[in-house]
């Protein structure tokens, strides 16, 4: 739930478990344990693959629009108001789905893990990236947050005790070095405040994805993010009231569209179609589609926001994608 997500969610890369829109095991658990394939439900394998690919692709597109939508939302709302309102609206959407499906609340032992998911994916990542986008461009943020799958893999290895190969760590460290070098070059030799927020967002979101992957062994992935949103609802309502009281509001069409998309499109519905797609085609194939997410965000930053990309921006994004691909091919 990059998310994330923002968000930059989740990608299947050599370490399990992981979760969310860019972390792997949540998708894998959701698909293998709770979704099944198109053929399992009576349809042909080919039809299930086509529909699953389409759903997963729609999820990637939804996630790629998160940063541009946030930038639009900041035209109308302060950062604290925007994040709180986004969470409230997403929780409302999640609540409708949970009620419509008559989903029972998770067992008591799951709530601590859901709190970690909520802190990382629902609160931490959206807040830190929103604060970063006050001074950073969406294209710059897309390159930095493109490192999220590798960050998630590293934290997953520490959390689960897995031991990826030296080649995996070499690719992961190379990707991190590329992003660090890119941020230093873009900010004149020292990280900016926006970069500090983005690197913090990577850590908290990766922690949320990792814990979500553990939960997705017993709960469908969309229910993990749904219950995390519901868990945060009291805090989100209080944050909305305080934010709207102390931050100026200038309603514009872009601002409202950005808020609505970040809430319904990126935070919940994007995850919903992503997990359904993963259930049909499997995490490895779905993760290949997600490699396009940073580049799609660069495209939207130009088309929707009119940003001008430096030559280093697409090169850095492609280099990170090469490193991510390398981690998928080694154990």
Protein backbone atom coordinates (compact mmCIF):
# COMPACT_ATOMS: atom_id res chain seq x y z
CA UNK A 1 0.00 0.00 0.00
CA UNK A 2 4.15 1.81 -2.18
CA UNK A 3 0.92 2.55 -1.51
CA UNK A 4 3.53 1.94 -1.72
CA UNK A 5 2.57 4.23 -1.92
CA UNK A 6 2.04 5.45 -2.09
CA UNK A 7 3.17 5.25 -2.38
CA UNK A 8 5.33 3.65 -3.41
CA UNK A 9 3.88 -0.65 -2.62
CA UNK A 10 5.75 -3.90 -3.38
CA UNK A 11 7.64 -6.16 -5.64
CA UNK A 12 8.60 -9.82 -5.58
CA UNK A 13 12.39 -9.92 -5.50
CA UNK A 14 14.30 -12.79 -3.95
CA UNK A 15 13.25 -12.22 -0.35
CA UNK A 16 9.95 -13.33 1.14
CA UNK A 17 7.80 -12.21 2.72
CA UNK A 18 6.98 -8.66 1.63
CA UNK A 19 3.76 -6.91 0.81
CA UNK A 20 1.83 -3.99 -0.45
CA UNK A 21 1.79 -2.40 -3.88
CA UNK A 22 5.53 -2.72 -4.17
CA UNK A 23 6.35 -5.50 -1.78
CA UNK A 24 6.12 -9.08 -2.71
CA UNK A 25 4.89 -11.55 -0.22
CA UNK A 26 1.65 -9.82 0.49
CA UNK A 27 0.77 -10.24 -3.12
CA UNK A 28 2.05 -13.77 -3.14
CA UNK A 29 0.15 -14.70 -0.02
CA UNK A 30 -2.95 -13.04 -1.26
CA UNK A 31 -2.79 -14.79 -4.58
CA UNK A 32 -1.77 -18.24 -3.48
CA UNK A 33 -3.79 -18.50 -0.34
CA UNK A 34 -6.85 -16.36 -0.89
CA UNK A 35 -7.32 -15.54 -4.53
CA UNK A 36 -6.53 -18.47 -6.73
CA UNK A 37 -6.19 -18.21 -10.46
CA UNK A 38 -8.74 -17.54 -13.12
CA UNK A 39 -8.79 -21.24 -13.89
CA UNK A 40 -9.52 -22.12 -10.28
CA UNK A 41 -12.81 -20.29 -10.47
CA UNK A 42 -14.08 -21.95 -13.61
CA UNK A 43 -12.59 -19.68 -16.28
CA UNK A 44 -9.94 -20.73 -18.79
CA UNK A 45 -6.27 -20.15 -17.85
CA UNK A 46 -5.82 -17.79 -20.82
CA UNK A 47 -8.82 -15.68 -19.81
CA UNK A 48 -7.63 -15.61 -16.21
CA UNK A 49 -4.16 -14.50 -17.33
CA UNK A 50 -5.56 -11.72 -19.50
CA UNK A 51 -7.86 -10.36 -16.82
CA UNK A 52 -5.19 -10.74 -14.13
CA UNK A 53 -2.62 -8.90 -16.22
CA UNK A 54 -5.11 -6.09 -16.88
CA UNK A 55 -5.97 -5.77 -13.18
CA UNK A 56 -2.32 -5.75 -12.11
CA UNK A 57 -1.52 -3.17 -14.77
CA UNK A 58 -4.37 -0.96 -13.55
CA UNK A 59 -2.87 -1.19 -10.06
CA UNK A 60 0.53 -0.07 -11.32
CA UNK A 61 -1.03 2.87 -13.16
CA UNK A 62 -2.94 3.84 -10.01
CA UNK A 63 0.24 3.79 -7.91
CA UNK A 64 2.19 5.77 -10.51
CA UNK A 65 -0.32 8.63 -10.18
CA UNK A 66 0.11 8.95 -6.40
CA UNK A 67 2.82 11.63 -6.43
CA UNK A 68 1.18 13.81 -9.11
CA UNK A 69 -2.13 13.52 -7.24
CA UNK A 70 -0.41 14.56 -4.02
CA UNK A 71 1.17 17.55 -5.76
CA UNK A 72 -2.28 18.57 -6.97
CA UNK A 73 -3.75 18.07 -3.51
CA UNK A 74 -1.17 20.43 -2.03
CA UNK A 75 -2.65 23.20 -4.19
CA UNK A 76 -5.74 23.17 -1.95
CA UNK A 77 -4.68 21.69 1.39
CA UNK A 78 -1.79 21.82 3.82
CA UNK A 79 0.29 18.65 4.12
CA UNK A 80 -1.20 17.53 7.43
CA UNK A 81 -4.77 18.15 6.28
CA UNK A 82 -4.18 16.38 2.99
CA UNK A 83 -2.75 13.24 4.58
CA UNK A 84 -5.47 13.06 7.24
CA UNK A 85 -8.32 13.64 4.79
CA UNK A 86 -6.83 11.10 2.40
CA UNK A 87 -6.79 8.49 5.16
CA UNK A 88 -10.37 9.27 6.24
CA UNK A 89 -11.73 8.92 2.71
CA UNK A 90 -9.73 5.75 2.05
CA UNK A 91 -10.98 4.26 5.33
CA UNK A 92 -14.55 5.03 4.25
CA UNK A 93 -14.00 3.18 0.96
CA UNK A 94 -12.34 0.27 2.77
CA UNK A 95 -15.18 0.15 5.28
CA UNK A 96 -17.74 -0.16 2.48
CA UNK A 97 -15.85 -3.10 0.97
CA UNK A 98 -15.40 -4.81 4.34
CA UNK A 99 -19.06 -4.37 5.24
CA UNK A 100 -20.27 -5.46 1.80
CA UNK A 101 -18.16 -8.60 2.08
CA UNK A 102 -19.27 -9.19 5.67
CA UNK A 103 -15.63 -9.58 6.61
CA UNK A 104 -15.06 -10.43 10.24
CA UNK A 105 -12.51 -8.39 12.22
CA UNK A 106 -9.04 -9.98 12.40
CA UNK A 107 -8.04 -12.05 15.40
CA UNK A 108 -6.56 -10.20 18.36
CA UNK A 109 -3.03 -11.36 17.62
CA UNK A 110 -3.11 -9.58 14.24
CA UNK A 111 -3.81 -6.08 15.52
CA UNK A 112 -0.22 -5.33 16.57
CA UNK A 113 0.96 -6.16 13.06
CA UNK A 114 -1.85 -4.07 11.57
CA UNK A 115 -0.66 -1.15 13.70
CA UNK A 116 2.80 -1.45 12.11
CA UNK A 117 1.21 -1.53 8.64
CA UNK A 118 -0.91 1.50 9.52
CA UNK A 119 2.06 3.42 10.89
CA UNK A 120 4.18 2.72 7.82
CA UNK A 121 1.75 2.64 4.90
CA UNK A 122 -1.28 4.64 6.03
CA UNK A 123 0.42 7.40 8.05
CA UNK A 124 4.22 7.43 7.71
CA UNK A 125 4.74 7.08 3.97
CA UNK A 126 1.93 9.44 2.86
CA UNK A 127 2.92 12.08 5.42
CA UNK A 128 6.65 12.02 4.74
CA UNK A 129 6.26 12.01 0.95
CA UNK A 130 3.70 14.81 1.14
CA UNK A 131 6.09 16.90 3.22
CA UNK A 132 8.86 16.09 0.72
CA UNK A 133 6.76 17.18 -2.27
CA UNK A 134 6.48 20.69 -0.86
CA UNK A 135 10.08 21.23 -1.99
CA UNK A 136 10.90 18.27 -4.27
CA UNK A 137 9.56 17.61 -7.73
CA UNK A 138 7.50 14.48 -8.34
CA UNK A 139 10.10 13.26 -10.85
CA UNK A 140 12.86 13.53 -8.24
CA UNK A 141 10.70 11.74 -5.66
CA UNK A 142 9.88 8.98 -8.17
CA UNK A 143 13.55 8.14 -8.60
CA UNK A 144 14.26 8.08 -4.86
CA UNK A 145 11.17 6.05 -3.98
CA UNK A 146 11.97 3.70 -6.86
CA UNK A 147 14.39 2.20 -4.35
CA UNK A 148 11.47 0.98 -2.21
CA UNK A 149 11.45 -2.64 -3.47
CA UNK A 150 15.12 -3.05 -2.56
CA UNK A 151 14.60 -1.39 0.83
CA UNK A 152 11.69 -3.72 1.50
CA UNK A 153 13.77 -6.73 0.51
CA UNK A 154 16.56 -5.74 2.89
CA UNK A 155 14.21 -5.22 5.83
CA UNK A 156 12.40 -8.45 4.99
CA UNK A 157 15.70 -10.32 5.15
CA UNK A 158 16.41 -8.87 8.57
CA UNK A 159 12.87 -9.57 9.77
CA UNK A 160 12.67 -13.15 8.53
CA UNK A 161 16.28 -14.21 8.90
CA UNK A 162 16.56 -14.99 5.18
CA UNK A 163 20.02 -14.97 3.64
CA UNK A 164 20.00 -13.68 0.06
CA UNK A 165 23.09 -14.25 -2.05
CA UNK A 166 25.99 -11.86 -2.38
CA UNK A 167 24.83 -11.02 -5.90
CA UNK A 168 21.49 -9.91 -4.51
CA UNK A 169 23.13 -7.62 -1.98
CA UNK A 170 25.54 -6.30 -4.60
CA UNK A 171 22.61 -5.30 -6.82
CA UNK A 172 20.75 -3.81 -3.86
CA UNK A 173 23.75 -1.77 -2.69
CA UNK A 174 24.39 -0.60 -6.25
CA UNK A 175 20.81 0.62 -6.51
CA UNK A 176 21.12 2.46 -3.22
CA UNK A 177 24.38 4.07 -4.35
CA UNK A 178 22.78 5.21 -7.60
CA UNK A 179 19.89 6.87 -5.77
CA UNK A 180 22.21 8.46 -3.21
CA UNK A 181 24.46 9.81 -5.95
CA UNK A 182 21.43 11.12 -7.84
CA UNK A 183 20.06 12.97 -4.81
CA UNK A 184 23.44 14.50 -3.99
CA UNK A 185 23.92 15.65 -7.57
CA UNK A 186 20.42 17.13 -7.73
CA UNK A 187 20.75 18.96 -4.40
CA UNK A 188 24.24 20.40 -4.87
CA UNK A 189 26.28 17.94 -2.83
CA UNK A 190 24.22 17.58 0.35
CA UNK A 191 20.79 16.00 0.91
CA UNK A 192 17.93 18.47 1.10
CA UNK A 193 15.11 18.40 3.65
CA UNK A 194 12.92 16.84 0.97
CA UNK A 195 15.44 14.04 0.48
CA UNK A 196 15.50 13.37 4.22
CA UNK A 197 11.72 13.00 4.18
CA UNK A 198 11.90 10.66 1.17
CA UNK A 199 14.55 8.41 2.71
CA UNK A 200 12.53 8.30 5.92
CA UNK A 201 9.46 7.37 3.87
CA UNK A 202 11.39 4.49 2.31
CA UNK A 203 12.21 3.03 5.73
CA UNK A 204 8.76 3.31 7.31
CA UNK A 205 6.96 2.08 4.19
CA UNK A 206 9.31 -0.88 3.84
CA UNK A 207 8.62 -1.78 7.47
CA UNK A 208 4.88 -1.59 6.81
CA UNK A 209 5.19 -3.74 3.69
CA UNK A 210 7.30 -6.31 5.49
CA UNK A 211 4.81 -6.66 8.32
CA UNK A 212 1.96 -6.69 5.83
CA UNK A 213 3.64 -9.59 4.06
CA UNK A 214 3.66 -11.56 7.29
CA UNK A 215 -0.04 -10.83 7.86
CA UNK A 216 -0.89 -11.72 4.26
CA UNK A 217 -0.06 -15.33 5.05
CA UNK A 218 -3.35 -15.54 6.94
CA UNK A 219 -5.37 -12.56 5.60
CA UNK A 220 -6.03 -11.47 2.01
CA UNK A 221 -3.78 -8.52 1.18
CA UNK A 222 -6.62 -6.09 0.53
CA UNK A 223 -8.07 -6.86 3.95
CA UNK A 224 -4.70 -6.08 5.54
CA UNK A 225 -4.70 -2.55 4.12
CA UNK A 226 -8.45 -2.23 4.70
CA UNK A 227 -8.24 -3.00 8.41
CA UNK A 228 -5.11 -0.85 8.76
CA UNK A 229 -7.09 2.09 7.37
CA UNK A 230 -9.99 1.41 9.71
CA UNK A 231 -7.59 1.15 12.65
CA UNK A 232 -6.26 4.62 11.83
CA UNK A 233 -9.70 6.19 11.42
CA UNK A 234 -9.94 7.83 14.90
CA UNK A 235 -6.48 9.35 14.47
CA UNK A 236 -7.29 10.43 10.91
CA UNK A 237 -10.52 12.13 11.97
CA UNK A 238 -8.74 14.03 14.74
CA UNK A 239 -5.92 14.96 12.36
CA UNK A 240 -8.40 16.21 9.78
CA UNK A 241 -10.12 18.45 12.32
CA UNK A 242 -6.85 19.92 13.57
CA UNK A 243 -5.35 20.28 10.11
CA UNK A 244 -8.34 22.06 8.67
CA UNK A 245 -8.45 24.35 11.70
CA UNK A 246 -4.81 25.45 11.45
CA UNK A 247 -3.89 25.10 7.77
CA UNK A 248 -5.33 27.30 5.01
CA UNK A 249 -7.67 25.71 2.47
CA UNK A 250 -7.96 27.00 -1.10
CA UNK A 251 -10.27 24.69 -3.00
CA UNK A 252 -9.41 24.13 -6.64
CA UNK A 253 -10.39 21.49 -9.15
CA UNK A 254 -6.86 20.10 -9.16
CA UNK A 255 -6.74 20.06 -5.38
CA UNK A 256 -9.98 18.13 -4.99
CA UNK A 257 -9.11 15.71 -7.80
CA UNK A 258 -5.72 15.07 -6.23
CA UNK A 259 -7.25 14.38 -2.81
CA UNK A 260 -9.88 12.02 -4.21
CA UNK A 261 -7.40 10.08 -6.31
CA UNK A 262 -4.83 9.77 -3.52
CA UNK A 263 -7.56 8.47 -1.20
CA UNK A 264 -9.69 6.21 -3.38
CA UNK A 265 -7.43 5.50 -6.34
CA UNK A 266 -3.98 5.09 -4.79
CA UNK A 267 -4.61 4.13 -1.19
CA UNK A 268 -7.33 1.52 -1.56
CA UNK A 269 -8.70 0.74 -5.02
CA UNK A 270 -5.21 0.55 -6.53
CA UNK A 271 -4.27 -2.05 -3.94
CA UNK A 272 -7.54 -3.90 -4.50
CA UNK A 273 -7.03 -4.44 -8.24
CA UNK A 274 -3.31 -5.08 -7.68
CA UNK A 275 -3.95 -7.96 -5.31
CA UNK A 276 -6.69 -9.38 -7.54
CA UNK A 277 -4.29 -9.28 -10.47
CA UNK A 278 -1.53 -10.95 -8.48
CA UNK A 279 -3.98 -13.67 -7.46
CA UNK A 280 -4.61 -14.47 -11.12
CA UNK A 281 -1.11 -14.28 -12.65
CA UNK A 282 1.18 -14.70 -9.63
CA UNK A 283 3.65 -12.37 -7.97
CA UNK A 284 6.61 -12.93 -10.35
CA UNK A 285 4.70 -11.89 -13.48
CA UNK A 286 2.91 -9.03 -11.71
CA UNK A 287 6.21 -7.70 -10.36
CA UNK A 288 7.54 -7.39 -13.90
CA UNK A 289 4.68 -4.98 -14.66
CA UNK A 290 5.55 -2.92 -11.62
CA UNK A 291 9.04 -2.23 -12.91
CA UNK A 292 7.37 0.41 -15.10
CA UNK A 293 5.98 2.36 -12.15
CA UNK A 294 8.81 4.92 -11.64
CA UNK A 295 8.95 5.62 -15.36
CA UNK A 296 5.17 6.06 -15.48
CA UNK A 297 5.42 8.58 -12.64
CA UNK A 298 8.04 10.49 -14.62
CA UNK A 299 5.64 10.52 -17.57
CA UNK A 300 2.77 11.84 -15.44
CA UNK A 301 5.01 14.50 -13.90
CA UNK A 302 5.64 15.90 -17.37
CA UNK A 303 2.10 15.50 -18.75
CA UNK A 304 0.07 16.53 -15.70
CA UNK A 305 2.43 18.88 -13.87
CA UNK A 306 4.53 20.27 -16.70
CA UNK A 307 7.81 19.38 -15.02
CA UNK A 308 11.01 19.42 -17.05
CA UNK A 309 13.21 16.38 -16.55
CA UNK A 310 16.95 16.72 -16.30
CA UNK A 311 18.91 14.19 -18.42
CA UNK A 312 20.00 12.43 -15.22
CA UNK A 313 16.45 11.73 -14.01
CA UNK A 314 15.33 9.05 -16.53
CA UNK A 315 18.85 7.60 -16.58
CA UNK A 316 18.85 7.18 -12.80
CA UNK A 317 15.35 5.67 -12.87
CA UNK A 318 16.37 3.14 -15.54
CA UNK A 319 19.56 2.27 -13.64
CA UNK A 320 17.54 1.55 -10.50
CA UNK A 321 15.17 -0.65 -12.52
CA UNK A 322 18.16 -2.62 -13.82
CA UNK A 323 19.28 -3.22 -10.23
CA UNK A 324 15.79 -4.33 -9.20
CA UNK A 325 15.63 -6.71 -12.16
CA UNK A 326 19.01 -8.13 -11.14
CA UNK A 327 17.77 -8.86 -7.63
CA UNK A 328 14.85 -10.82 -9.10
CA UNK A 329 17.16 -13.09 -11.03
CA UNK A 330 19.34 -14.17 -8.12
CA UNK A 331 18.63 -16.03 -4.90
